Amino acid sequence: MKCVICKKGSTRSSTTTVTLERGSLIMVIKGVPAQVCENCGEAYVDENVASELLKSAEQTARTGAQVEIHQYVAA
């Protein structure tokens, strides 16, 4: 796919690190599968992965954690 940010690069399958913030929670998830632009590095996660990340963040937020760092594990 052509990158919508730089409009010059194409994306390839890779992994990325995603940082989510909600209230006082900062959650970092490493090794997230994504399509990453070879030119600018912009990462695109698919709908299923995004849904899993948001569910995980919701569960973590309920624990009262302020900072969490996780390795991505597919559900």
C-alpha atoms as a PDB file:
ATOM      1  CA  MET A   1       0.000   0.000   0.000  1.00  0.00           C
ATOM      2  CA  LYS A   2       1.158   3.553  -0.640  1.00  0.00           C
ATOM      3  CA  CYS A   3       1.838   5.618   2.497  1.00  0.00           C
ATOM      4  CA  VAL A   4      -0.839   8.261   3.073  1.00  0.00           C
ATOM      5  CA  ILE A   5       1.554  10.389   5.157  1.00  0.00           C
ATOM      6  CA  CYS A   6       4.606  10.857   2.913  1.00  0.00           C
ATOM      7  CA  LYS A   7       2.901   9.694  -0.316  1.00  0.00           C
ATOM      8  CA  LYS A   8       6.291   8.451  -1.542  1.00  0.00           C
ATOM      9  CA  GLY A   9       6.931   5.143   0.180  1.00  0.00           C
ATOM     10  CA  SER A  10       5.251   1.784   0.107  1.00  0.00           C
ATOM     11  CA  THR A  11       4.490  -0.254   3.189  1.00  0.00           C
ATOM     12  CA  ARG A  12       5.792  -3.694   4.082  1.00  0.00           C
ATOM     13  CA  SER A  13       4.924  -6.180   6.797  1.00  0.00           C
ATOM     14  CA  SER A  14       6.906  -5.494   9.960  1.00  0.00           C
ATOM     15  CA  THR A  15       6.387  -4.675  13.628  1.00  0.00           C
ATOM     16  CA  THR A  16       6.126  -1.417  15.539  1.00  0.00           C
ATOM     17  CA  THR A  17       5.820  -0.076  19.053  1.00  0.00           C
ATOM     18  CA  VAL A  18       2.460   1.476  19.962  1.00  0.00           C
ATOM     19  CA  THR A  19       1.990   3.937  22.827  1.00  0.00           C
ATOM     20  CA  LEU A  20      -1.522   4.457  24.186  1.00  0.00           C
ATOM     21  CA  GLU A  21      -2.539   7.101  26.717  1.00  0.00           C
ATOM     22  CA  ARG A  22      -5.773   7.115  28.680  1.00  0.00           C
ATOM     23  CA  GLY A  23      -6.240   9.295  31.741  1.00  0.00           C
ATOM     24  CA  SER A  24      -3.185   8.678  33.899  1.00  0.00           C
ATOM     25  CA  LEU A  25      -2.272   5.409  32.091  1.00  0.00           C
ATOM     26  CA  ILE A  26       0.570   5.255  29.591  1.00  0.00           C
ATOM     27  CA  MET A  27       0.801   1.841  27.945  1.00  0.00           C
ATOM     28  CA  VAL A  28       3.587   0.807  25.576  1.00  0.00           C
ATOM     29  CA  ILE A  29       3.146  -2.324  23.458  1.00  0.00           C
ATOM     30  CA  LYS A  30       6.194  -3.620  21.601  1.00  0.00           C
ATOM     31  CA  GLY A  31       6.291  -5.977  18.630  1.00  0.00           C
ATOM     32  CA  VAL A  32       2.884  -5.023  17.225  1.00  0.00           C
ATOM     33  CA  PRO A  33       2.364  -6.404  13.688  1.00  0.00           C
ATOM     34  CA  ALA A  34       1.891  -3.562  11.222  1.00  0.00           C
ATOM     35  CA  GLN A  35       2.420  -2.327   7.713  1.00  0.00           C
ATOM     36  CA  VAL A  36       5.338   0.099   7.962  1.00  0.00           C
ATOM     37  CA  CYS A  37       6.329   2.686   5.337  1.00  0.00           C
ATOM     38  CA  GLU A  38       9.822   2.051   4.003  1.00  0.00           C
ATOM     39  CA  ASN A  39      10.306   5.792   3.441  1.00  0.00           C
ATOM     40  CA  CYS A  40       9.023   7.598   6.545  1.00  0.00           C
ATOM     41  CA  GLY A  41       8.388   4.799   9.051  1.00  0.00           C
ATOM     42  CA  GLU A  42       4.667   5.493   9.524  1.00  0.00           C
ATOM     43  CA  ALA A  43       2.985   2.328  10.852  1.00  0.00           C
ATOM     44  CA  TYR A  44      -0.506   1.081  10.076  1.00  0.00           C
ATOM     45  CA  VAL A  45      -2.154  -1.615  12.211  1.00  0.00           C
ATOM     46  CA  ASP A  46      -5.178  -3.515  10.967  1.00  0.00           C
ATOM     47  CA  GLU A  47      -8.600  -3.350  12.583  1.00  0.00           C
ATOM     48  CA  ASN A  48      -8.262  -6.637  14.499  1.00  0.00           C
ATOM     49  CA  VAL A  49      -4.921  -5.682  16.019  1.00  0.00           C
ATOM     50  CA  ALA A  50      -6.220  -2.211  16.943  1.00  0.00           C
ATOM     51  CA  SER A  51      -9.224  -3.806  18.654  1.00  0.00           C
ATOM     52  CA  GLU A  52      -6.956  -6.138  20.656  1.00  0.00           C
ATOM     53  CA  LEU A  53      -4.743  -3.220  21.713  1.00  0.00           C
ATOM     54  CA  LEU A  54      -7.721  -1.183  22.904  1.00  0.00           C
ATOM     55  CA  LYS A  55      -9.154  -4.127  24.872  1.00  0.00           C
ATOM     56  CA  SER A  56      -5.795  -4.686  26.533  1.00  0.00           C
ATOM     57  CA  ALA A  57      -5.525  -0.993  27.417  1.00  0.00           C
ATOM     58  CA  GLU A  58      -9.045  -1.053  28.899  1.00  0.00           C
ATOM     59  CA  GLN A  59      -8.178  -4.046  31.089  1.00  0.00           C
ATOM     60  CA  THR A  60      -4.918  -2.447  32.203  1.00  0.00           C
ATOM     61  CA  ALA A  61      -6.627   0.873  32.987  1.00  0.00           C
ATOM     62  CA  ARG A  62      -9.002  -0.962  35.345  1.00  0.00           C
ATOM     63  CA  THR A  63      -6.046  -2.124  37.450  1.00  0.00           C
ATOM     64  CA  GLY A  64      -5.110   1.451  38.281  1.00  0.00           C
ATOM     65  CA  ALA A  65      -1.693   1.151  36.637  1.00  0.00           C
ATOM     66  CA  GLN A  66      -0.024   4.345  35.509  1.00  0.00           C
ATOM     67  CA  VAL A  67       2.718   2.916  33.274  1.00  0.00           C
ATOM     68  CA  GLU A  68       2.738  -0.506  31.610  1.00  0.00           C
ATOM     69  CA  ILE A  69       5.075  -1.994  29.018  1.00  0.00           C
ATOM     70  CA  HIS A  70       3.997  -5.152  27.217  1.00  0.00           C
ATOM     71  CA  GLN A  71       5.167  -7.385  24.391  1.00  0.00           C
ATOM     72  CA  TYR A  72       2.365  -7.923  21.855  1.00  0.00           C
ATOM     73  CA  VAL A  73       0.790 -11.377  21.980  1.00  0.00           C
ATOM     74  CA  ALA A  74      -1.970 -12.183  19.480  1.00  0.00           C
ATOM     75  CA  ALA A  75      -5.222 -13.200  21.120  1.00  0.00           C
END
